[in-house]
Amino acid sequence: MLLAKEAYIVDIIEKSTHEICDSTWPLDGSNTQSLAASALEDIIQSFGTLEQELFTQLQWQMRSPIFLGLESTFPALDHLTVPDQLSLPWTAQEKIGESMHGELSSVHRIKIHADHFDFETVGDTFALKVLEKGKVVRIAETDFEDEMAANQRATHPRITPLLAAFKHRNKFHLLFPWADGGNLQQLWRKYEPYPGLDGQKAPWFSVGWMVDQCYHIADALATIHGHPSNEGGHFYQSQLHHDIKPENVLCFDDSRDVTSTFKLKLTDFGLSLPADSQSNLPRDLIAETKTYRPPERDIEGSNLGQKWDIWCLGCLYLDFITWAILGHRGVRKFEKARLDEKDQPSGPVDEDTFFIKKRLVGRCWWPRKTVLTVAEIKSSVILHIRELLGHVRCSDDCAEFLRYIEERMLVIDSNQRDDSSKVRDFLHKWAFE
């Protein structure tokens, strides 16, 4: 109809002994095995040269990809390559926040036409992570393949699933469910656990809810690390998540009747590395993460393995309990206290990490004095835990949780930290027994 050739529609139908459908297109010489495509090719040959070229261009407007999701078995690294001529079936698109990693990665909230996806999910809104090639094509492609593989190494009800992965117009795309409540950092900013604080009261909040979320996150991490799951998770290859922080914990609406609440799920496997419980990863593979960075990243000779995630999870839990007792203002005050406590001697940049570095100078006559760098828990962290333990809102359960974080998770020697299965089992015993 776009070519004003409506009369040919009847001819195409009569000549074709096979139903014309989406698989018939495009007519580019590579699809002529189809009887329907052959019938179309015969008709198009009767057009003039200009009309044939115009048809070749206009046919792409009639098509858009359908996303069916990735295979559930590992490794399933194949991704869809969407022809550049096709338009994506988005009915709405909005960029969220600033681009990440040197403007090579961004996240968009999109809506997909209902006829163009078939996922086991509710709603038509999704999160689309876009990795652009930039100047170094291979780096973006490698990052894309690595993140796609990492997302497929483990499945769990509390891991945000990768729904689809595809390449289109020199960009790589990863498709995830959309989290209605944003991330955990945003939840802390928007809501307060009790009335009378700065923000909106969280109607669903209770210490029991917090413990339940922490338990399920711990079970998800245990699955990622290669331990059997209590909650229906499966792993295909153990790995280090490597970037646990509030921004990488998403809040999914879990409304029941008229009660609004959220389920928390881990996300963002962009820095993940294959690793088992005995792995000691090369230092050049370890990322220079910020606030929740464990001390072994800065201390030469330290073991770099799955216990990295335990330190990060301990920091997350401590901030979570801080919010649950003091609200978001308490989280910010705690952050500032850590920022004010500087390394000795101080470095070029002040950091709000949970540990401090000190240099110990030993005595040696020859050839020079030895200098040893050691790490300690910041005194601001210890004082903060004591403050929480003495607060009127700190229940016996919260106190037990705080002592566990201090004694079994935020431990300088990574070999002395509990593994993720023990963290999970501690929370399970507390929450359900």
Protein backbone atom coordinates (compact mmCIF):
# COMPACT_ATOMS: atom_id res chain seq x y z
CA MET A 1 0.00 0.00 0.00
CA LEU A 2 2.91 2.34 0.65
CA LEU A 3 3.91 1.83 -3.01
CA ALA A 4 0.32 2.21 -4.25
CA LYS A 5 0.47 -1.40 -5.50
CA GLU A 6 -2.59 -2.74 -3.69
CA ALA A 7 -3.65 -4.76 -6.75
CA TYR A 8 -0.66 -7.06 -6.27
CA ILE A 9 -1.86 -8.21 -2.85
CA VAL A 10 -4.36 -10.62 -4.40
CA ASP A 11 -1.72 -11.94 -6.83
CA ILE A 12 0.71 -12.60 -3.98
CA ILE A 13 -1.91 -14.50 -1.99
CA GLU A 14 -3.00 -16.55 -5.01
CA LYS A 15 0.55 -17.44 -6.07
CA SER A 16 1.74 -18.32 -2.60
CA THR A 17 0.96 -21.83 -1.32
CA HIS A 18 2.32 -20.87 2.09
CA GLU A 19 1.02 -18.30 4.55
CA ILE A 20 2.86 -15.00 4.52
CA CYS A 21 4.01 -14.09 8.05
CA ASP A 22 6.82 -12.27 9.85
CA SER A 23 9.32 -15.00 8.95
CA THR A 24 8.83 -14.22 5.27
CA TRP A 25 10.70 -10.95 5.66
CA PRO A 26 13.07 -9.43 4.78
CA LEU A 27 13.32 -9.99 1.04
CA ASP A 28 17.04 -9.57 0.61
CA GLY A 29 17.93 -12.64 -1.41
CA SER A 30 18.69 -14.74 1.67
CA ASN A 31 15.13 -15.89 2.41
CA THR A 32 14.00 -17.33 -0.92
CA GLN A 33 13.67 -20.89 0.39
CA SER A 34 10.27 -19.90 1.76
CA LEU A 35 7.42 -20.48 -0.72
CA ALA A 36 5.80 -17.25 0.43
CA ALA A 37 9.08 -15.38 -0.05
CA SER A 38 9.51 -16.88 -3.54
CA ALA A 39 6.02 -15.69 -4.51
CA LEU A 40 6.82 -12.22 -3.27
CA GLU A 41 10.15 -12.19 -5.13
CA ASP A 42 8.39 -13.07 -8.39
CA ILE A 43 5.97 -10.17 -7.98
CA ILE A 44 8.70 -7.68 -7.01
CA GLN A 45 10.69 -8.56 -10.14
CA SER A 46 7.90 -7.01 -12.20
CA PHE A 47 8.47 -3.64 -10.51
CA GLY A 48 10.71 -0.98 -11.98
CA THR A 49 14.22 -0.50 -10.57
CA LEU A 50 13.27 2.53 -8.49
CA GLU A 51 10.18 0.76 -7.11
CA GLN A 52 12.26 -2.28 -6.18
CA GLU A 53 14.73 -0.09 -4.27
CA LEU A 54 11.87 1.72 -2.53
CA PHE A 55 10.27 -1.60 -1.58
CA THR A 56 13.58 -2.79 -0.13
CA GLN A 57 13.66 0.25 2.15
CA LEU A 58 9.98 0.36 3.09
CA GLN A 59 9.71 -3.34 4.00
CA TRP A 60 11.73 -2.72 7.17
CA GLN A 61 8.94 -0.51 8.51
CA MET A 62 6.74 -3.59 8.60
CA ARG A 63 9.00 -5.50 10.98
CA SER A 64 10.21 -5.26 14.55
CA PRO A 65 11.88 -7.95 16.67
CA ILE A 66 10.07 -10.14 19.20
CA PHE A 67 12.00 -10.87 22.40
CA LEU A 68 11.54 -14.40 23.73
CA GLY A 69 14.20 -14.43 26.44
CA LEU A 70 17.46 -16.30 26.93
CA GLU A 71 17.90 -20.02 27.37
CA SER A 72 17.75 -21.14 31.00
CA THR A 73 20.74 -23.49 30.72
CA PHE A 74 24.38 -22.46 31.11
CA PRO A 75 26.29 -21.56 29.07
CA ALA A 76 23.74 -19.90 26.78
CA LEU A 77 25.86 -17.08 25.41
CA ASP A 78 24.10 -16.58 22.10
CA HIS A 79 22.53 -13.17 21.81
CA LEU A 80 20.20 -11.76 19.22
CA THR A 81 21.60 -9.54 16.49
CA VAL A 82 18.87 -7.16 15.41
CA PRO A 83 19.38 -5.82 11.85
CA ASP A 84 20.24 -2.13 11.89
CA GLN A 85 17.34 -1.35 9.56
CA LEU A 86 14.78 -2.52 12.13
CA SER A 87 13.23 -0.22 14.67
CA LEU A 88 12.97 -1.52 18.22
CA PRO A 89 9.40 -2.06 19.51
CA TRP A 90 9.64 0.51 22.30
CA THR A 91 6.49 2.51 22.92
CA ALA A 92 8.27 4.74 25.45
CA GLN A 93 11.90 5.33 26.46
CA GLU A 94 13.49 7.46 29.18
CA LYS A 95 17.14 7.64 30.16
CA ILE A 96 17.63 7.17 33.90
CA GLY A 97 20.43 9.08 35.60
CA GLU A 98 23.82 9.82 34.13
CA SER A 99 25.83 7.55 31.88
CA MET A 100 28.24 5.24 33.66
CA HIS A 101 31.81 4.09 33.05
CA GLY A 102 33.06 6.98 30.97
CA GLU A 103 29.80 7.58 29.09
CA LEU A 104 29.91 4.06 27.59
CA SER A 105 27.01 2.64 29.59
CA SER A 106 23.53 3.97 30.36
CA VAL A 107 20.22 2.69 31.75
CA HIS A 108 16.82 3.44 30.22
CA ARG A 109 13.27 2.79 31.36
CA ILE A 110 11.34 1.46 28.38
CA LYS A 111 7.92 0.12 27.51
CA ILE A 112 7.68 -2.68 24.93
CA HIS A 113 4.68 -3.28 22.69
CA ALA A 114 2.70 -6.17 24.14
CA ASP A 115 3.01 -8.24 20.94
CA HIS A 116 6.80 -8.06 20.94
CA PHE A 117 7.85 -9.89 24.11
CA ASP A 118 7.04 -13.17 25.78
CA PHE A 119 8.50 -13.13 29.29
CA GLU A 120 7.12 -14.54 32.50
CA THR A 121 6.73 -11.07 33.96
CA VAL A 122 4.00 -8.63 34.84
CA GLY A 123 3.65 -5.33 33.01
CA ASP A 124 5.26 -3.83 29.94
CA THR A 125 7.98 -1.72 31.61
CA PHE A 126 11.62 -2.84 31.58
CA ALA A 127 15.13 -1.64 32.36
CA LEU A 128 17.45 -1.51 29.35
CA LYS A 129 21.20 -1.30 29.95
CA VAL A 130 22.99 0.00 26.84
CA LEU A 131 26.72 -0.43 26.26
CA GLU A 132 28.09 1.65 23.41
CA LYS A 133 31.13 0.61 21.44
CA GLY A 134 32.91 3.93 21.85
CA LYS A 135 36.43 4.12 20.44
CA VAL A 136 37.46 0.61 21.49
CA VAL A 137 34.96 -1.80 19.95
CA ARG A 138 36.37 -4.95 21.50
CA ILE A 139 36.19 -3.60 25.07
CA ALA A 140 32.45 -2.94 24.87
CA GLU A 141 31.84 -6.31 23.22
CA THR A 142 33.89 -8.11 25.86
CA ASP A 143 32.08 -6.30 28.68
CA PHE A 144 28.78 -7.26 27.10
CA GLU A 145 29.70 -10.93 26.76
CA ASP A 146 31.17 -11.08 30.28
CA GLU A 147 28.10 -9.51 31.89
CA MET A 148 25.76 -11.72 29.90
CA ALA A 149 27.69 -14.82 31.01
CA ALA A 150 27.79 -13.68 34.64
CA ASN A 151 24.03 -13.15 34.71
CA GLN A 152 23.54 -16.73 33.53
CA ARG A 153 25.85 -18.44 36.04
CA ALA A 154 23.20 -18.35 38.77
CA THR A 155 19.44 -18.03 39.03
CA HIS A 156 17.54 -17.17 42.19
CA PRO A 157 14.21 -15.55 43.11
CA ARG A 158 16.27 -12.68 44.60
CA ILE A 159 18.57 -12.16 41.64
CA THR A 160 17.22 -9.77 39.01
CA PRO A 161 16.99 -11.97 35.88
CA LEU A 162 18.49 -11.08 32.52
CA LEU A 163 15.55 -11.33 30.12
CA ALA A 164 17.25 -10.72 26.78
CA ALA A 165 20.54 -9.61 25.27
CA PHE A 166 21.02 -8.21 21.78
CA LYS A 167 23.16 -6.09 19.51
CA HIS A 168 21.61 -3.30 17.45
CA ARG A 169 23.14 -0.36 15.58
CA ASN A 170 26.63 -0.64 17.07
CA LYS A 171 25.33 -0.89 20.62
CA PHE A 172 24.95 -3.81 23.02
CA HIS A 173 21.76 -4.15 25.05
CA LEU A 174 20.83 -6.04 28.23
CA LEU A 175 17.13 -6.22 29.17
CA PHE A 176 15.91 -6.63 32.78
CA PRO A 177 12.61 -6.30 34.67
CA TRP A 178 11.88 -2.78 35.88
CA ALA A 179 12.13 -2.23 39.66
CA ASP A 180 9.19 -0.09 40.74
CA GLY A 181 10.85 1.04 43.98
CA GLY A 182 14.22 1.94 42.48
CA ASN A 183 17.30 0.75 44.36
CA LEU A 184 17.89 0.38 48.09
CA GLN A 185 19.79 3.67 48.31
CA GLN A 186 16.80 5.47 46.80
CA LEU A 187 14.42 3.68 49.15
CA TRP A 188 16.44 4.86 52.17
CA ARG A 189 16.28 8.43 50.88
CA LYS A 190 12.55 8.40 50.14
CA TYR A 191 11.21 6.52 53.15
CA GLU A 192 11.81 6.55 56.89
CA PRO A 193 11.24 3.54 59.18
CA TYR A 194 9.38 5.55 61.83
CA PRO A 195 7.17 8.65 61.92
CA GLY A 196 8.72 11.92 63.00
CA LEU A 197 11.84 11.56 60.84
CA ASP A 198 12.62 13.52 57.67
CA GLY A 199 10.97 11.45 54.95
CA GLN A 200 7.76 9.58 54.21
CA LYS A 201 6.92 6.80 56.68
CA ALA A 202 7.39 3.35 55.14
CA PRO A 203 4.05 1.63 55.90
CA TRP A 204 5.45 -1.86 55.33
CA PHE A 205 8.57 -1.51 57.49
CA SER A 206 9.26 -3.79 60.42
CA VAL A 207 12.43 -5.37 61.77
CA GLY A 208 10.99 -8.69 60.58
CA TRP A 209 10.72 -7.35 57.02
CA MET A 210 14.34 -6.17 57.11
CA VAL A 211 15.60 -9.50 58.44
CA ASP A 212 13.62 -11.39 55.81
CA GLN A 213 15.15 -9.29 53.04
CA CYS A 214 18.66 -9.70 54.44
CA TYR A 215 18.18 -13.47 54.67
CA HIS A 216 17.01 -13.82 51.07
CA ILE A 217 19.84 -11.62 49.79
CA ALA A 218 22.29 -13.81 51.73
CA ASP A 219 20.77 -16.95 50.19
CA ALA A 220 21.09 -15.39 46.73
CA LEU A 221 24.76 -14.57 47.40
CA ALA A 222 25.39 -18.09 48.73
CA THR A 223 23.96 -19.42 45.45
CA ILE A 224 26.23 -17.08 43.46
CA HIS A 225 29.17 -18.43 45.46
CA GLY A 226 28.25 -22.02 44.61
CA HIS A 227 26.44 -23.15 47.78
CA PRO A 228 23.11 -25.02 47.69
CA SER A 229 20.16 -22.62 47.96
CA ASN A 230 17.37 -22.81 50.52
CA GLU A 231 15.03 -20.79 48.31
CA GLY A 232 15.00 -22.41 44.88
CA GLY A 233 18.18 -20.91 43.48
CA HIS A 234 20.58 -22.74 41.15
CA PHE A 235 24.18 -22.11 40.20
CA TYR A 236 25.99 -23.32 37.11
CA GLN A 237 29.39 -21.87 37.97
CA SER A 238 30.45 -20.18 41.20
CA GLN A 239 31.57 -16.56 41.03
CA LEU A 240 32.40 -13.39 42.93
CA HIS A 241 29.71 -10.71 42.59
CA HIS A 242 32.35 -8.05 43.25
CA ASP A 243 30.07 -5.00 43.49
CA ILE A 244 27.54 -5.37 46.32
CA LYS A 245 26.21 -1.96 47.37
CA PRO A 246 22.78 -0.34 47.92
CA GLU A 247 22.63 0.87 44.32
CA ASN A 248 22.87 -2.76 43.17
CA VAL A 249 19.98 -3.99 45.32
CA LEU A 250 16.68 -3.34 43.53
CA CYS A 251 13.27 -2.90 45.16
CA PHE A 252 10.45 -4.71 43.40
CA ASP A 253 6.83 -4.02 44.29
CA ASP A 254 5.34 -6.90 46.26
CA SER A 255 1.91 -5.47 47.05
CA ARG A 256 -0.56 -7.80 48.63
CA ASP A 257 -4.18 -6.68 48.79
CA VAL A 258 -3.90 -3.01 49.80
CA THR A 259 -0.58 -3.41 51.62
CA SER A 260 2.40 -2.09 49.68
CA THR A 261 5.80 -3.64 50.32
CA PHE A 262 8.99 -4.45 48.44
CA LYS A 263 11.15 -7.48 47.67
CA LEU A 264 14.86 -6.79 47.38
CA LYS A 265 16.92 -8.40 44.63
CA LEU A 266 20.62 -8.33 43.71
CA THR A 267 21.56 -6.95 40.32
CA ASP A 268 24.50 -5.75 38.18
CA PHE A 269 27.01 -8.51 37.44
CA GLY A 270 29.16 -6.19 35.35
CA LEU A 271 32.23 -6.72 37.56
CA SER A 272 31.64 -10.39 38.42
CA LEU A 273 34.47 -12.91 38.11
CA PRO A 274 34.41 -16.72 38.12
CA ALA A 275 35.70 -17.82 41.53
CA ASP A 276 35.21 -20.67 43.97
CA SER A 277 35.74 -20.74 47.73
CA GLN A 278 39.46 -21.43 47.31
CA SER A 279 40.17 -18.84 44.63
CA ASN A 280 42.83 -16.17 45.11
CA LEU A 281 42.24 -13.84 42.18
CA PRO A 282 45.03 -11.87 40.47
CA ARG A 283 45.17 -8.32 41.81
CA ASP A 284 44.97 -6.79 38.33
CA LEU A 285 41.48 -8.32 37.88
CA ILE A 286 40.09 -6.72 41.05
CA ALA A 287 38.11 -3.52 40.66
CA GLU A 288 38.89 -0.29 42.50
CA THR A 289 35.49 -0.03 44.18
CA LYS A 290 34.84 2.77 46.66
CA THR A 291 32.78 2.91 49.88
CA TYR A 292 32.32 -0.83 50.50
CA ARG A 293 35.82 -1.80 49.31
CA PRO A 294 37.33 -4.43 51.62
CA PRO A 295 40.84 -3.93 53.09
CA GLU A 296 42.43 -6.76 51.11
CA ARG A 297 42.25 -4.60 47.98
CA ASP A 298 44.76 -2.19 49.57
CA ILE A 299 46.99 -4.59 51.51
CA GLU A 300 49.59 -6.48 49.52
CA GLY A 301 49.62 -10.24 50.02
CA SER A 302 45.98 -10.46 51.09
CA ASN A 303 43.72 -13.18 49.72
CA LEU A 304 41.34 -11.88 47.04
CA GLY A 305 38.35 -14.19 46.75
CA GLN A 306 34.70 -14.72 47.65
CA LYS A 307 35.17 -13.24 51.13
CA TRP A 308 35.36 -9.87 49.34
CA ASP A 309 31.58 -10.08 48.97
CA ILE A 310 31.14 -10.84 52.69
CA TRP A 311 32.80 -7.57 53.70
CA CYS A 312 30.62 -5.65 51.23
CA LEU A 313 27.49 -7.42 52.48
CA GLY A 314 28.45 -6.60 56.07
CA CYS A 315 28.75 -2.91 55.14
CA LEU A 316 25.35 -3.07 53.43
CA TYR A 317 23.74 -4.73 56.44
CA LEU A 318 25.24 -2.18 58.85
CA ASP A 319 23.90 0.70 56.73
CA PHE A 320 20.53 -1.08 56.54
CA ILE A 321 20.30 -1.39 60.34
CA THR A 322 21.43 2.22 60.65
CA TRP A 323 18.51 3.29 58.47
CA ALA A 324 16.14 1.01 60.41
CA ILE A 325 17.09 2.65 63.72
CA LEU A 326 18.13 6.23 62.85
CA GLY A 327 16.59 6.83 59.42
CA HIS A 328 18.34 8.27 56.38
CA ARG A 329 19.86 11.15 58.34
CA GLY A 330 21.65 8.54 60.46
CA VAL A 331 23.04 6.87 57.31
CA ARG A 332 24.42 10.22 56.12
CA LYS A 333 25.87 11.06 59.55
CA PHE A 334 27.61 7.68 59.65
CA GLU A 335 29.02 8.29 56.17
CA LYS A 336 30.43 11.66 57.21
CA ALA A 337 32.01 10.19 60.35
CA ARG A 338 33.87 7.64 58.22
CA LEU A 339 34.88 10.32 55.72
CA ASP A 340 36.38 12.44 58.51
CA GLU A 341 38.60 9.58 59.66
CA LYS A 342 41.64 9.59 57.40
CA ASP A 343 44.41 7.14 56.60
CA GLN A 344 47.74 7.62 58.39
CA PRO A 345 49.41 9.21 56.55
CA SER A 346 46.38 10.48 54.64
CA GLY A 347 46.09 9.83 50.93
CA PRO A 348 45.27 12.30 48.16
CA VAL A 349 41.51 11.55 48.40
CA ASP A 350 39.37 11.24 51.53
CA GLU A 351 37.29 8.06 51.51
CA ASP A 352 34.24 6.85 53.44
CA THR A 353 35.45 3.24 53.58
CA PHE A 354 34.87 1.14 56.71
CA PHE A 355 38.60 0.57 57.38
CA ILE A 356 41.63 2.78 57.85
CA LYS A 357 45.22 2.18 56.67
CA LYS A 358 48.22 2.78 58.91
CA ARG A 359 51.93 2.59 58.26
CA LEU A 360 54.07 0.83 60.83
CA VAL A 361 57.77 1.62 60.68
CA GLY A 362 60.01 -1.14 62.00
CA ARG A 363 63.59 -0.85 63.20
CA CYS A 364 66.30 -2.12 60.91
CA TRP A 365 69.98 -1.12 60.73
CA TRP A 366 70.49 -2.07 57.12
CA PRO A 367 69.74 -1.16 54.42
CA ARG A 368 66.74 0.89 55.61
CA LYS A 369 63.79 0.88 57.96
CA THR A 370 60.95 -1.44 57.02
CA VAL A 371 57.51 0.09 56.42
CA LEU A 372 54.46 -2.12 56.78
CA THR A 373 50.94 -1.03 55.81
CA VAL A 374 48.16 -2.52 57.90
CA ALA A 375 44.39 -2.05 58.01
CA GLU A 376 42.08 -1.57 60.99
CA ILE A 377 38.35 -1.09 61.39
CA LYS A 378 37.72 2.65 61.61
CA SER A 379 37.04 3.81 65.15
CA SER A 380 34.02 5.67 63.76
CA VAL A 381 32.55 2.30 62.72
CA ILE A 382 33.12 0.78 66.15
CA LEU A 383 31.65 3.84 67.89
CA HIS A 384 28.67 3.81 65.54
CA ILE A 385 27.90 0.18 66.33
CA ARG A 386 28.07 0.99 70.06
CA GLU A 387 25.69 3.91 69.49
CA LEU A 388 23.21 1.64 67.69
CA LEU A 389 23.46 -1.02 70.41
CA GLY A 390 22.53 1.59 73.02
CA HIS A 391 19.64 3.11 71.10
CA VAL A 392 16.11 2.71 72.42
CA ARG A 393 14.95 1.31 69.05
CA CYS A 394 17.64 -1.40 68.99
CA SER A 395 15.79 -4.60 69.79
CA ASP A 396 17.50 -7.74 71.06
CA ASP A 397 17.33 -9.14 67.52
CA CYS A 398 18.99 -6.06 66.04
CA ALA A 399 21.68 -6.20 68.71
CA GLU A 400 22.44 -9.83 67.87
CA PHE A 401 22.61 -8.95 64.17
CA LEU A 402 24.97 -6.02 64.86
CA ARG A 403 27.33 -8.18 66.91
CA TYR A 404 27.37 -10.82 64.18
CA ILE A 405 28.25 -8.19 61.53
CA GLU A 406 31.07 -6.85 63.71
CA GLU A 407 32.49 -10.23 64.73
CA ARG A 408 31.96 -12.42 61.64
CA MET A 409 31.66 -10.14 58.60
CA LEU A 410 33.59 -6.87 59.08
CA VAL A 411 36.81 -8.70 59.91
CA ILE A 412 40.10 -7.37 58.53
CA ASP A 413 41.56 -10.84 57.88
CA SER A 414 39.36 -12.20 55.09
CA ASN A 415 40.21 -15.78 56.09
CA GLN A 416 38.45 -15.20 59.43
CA ARG A 417 35.17 -13.98 57.91
CA ASP A 418 32.22 -16.33 57.64
CA ASP A 419 31.38 -17.51 54.15
CA SER A 420 28.05 -16.68 52.53
CA SER A 421 26.40 -19.97 53.52
CA LYS A 422 27.14 -19.29 57.21
CA VAL A 423 25.77 -15.74 56.91
CA ARG A 424 22.64 -17.20 55.32
CA ASP A 425 22.30 -19.87 58.01
CA PHE A 426 22.70 -17.31 60.81
CA LEU A 427 19.90 -15.18 59.36
CA HIS A 428 17.71 -18.21 58.69
CA LYS A 429 18.02 -19.35 62.30
CA TRP A 430 17.24 -15.84 63.54
CA ALA A 431 14.37 -15.21 61.15
CA PHE A 432 12.57 -18.55 61.09
CA GLU A 433 13.41 -20.58 64.18
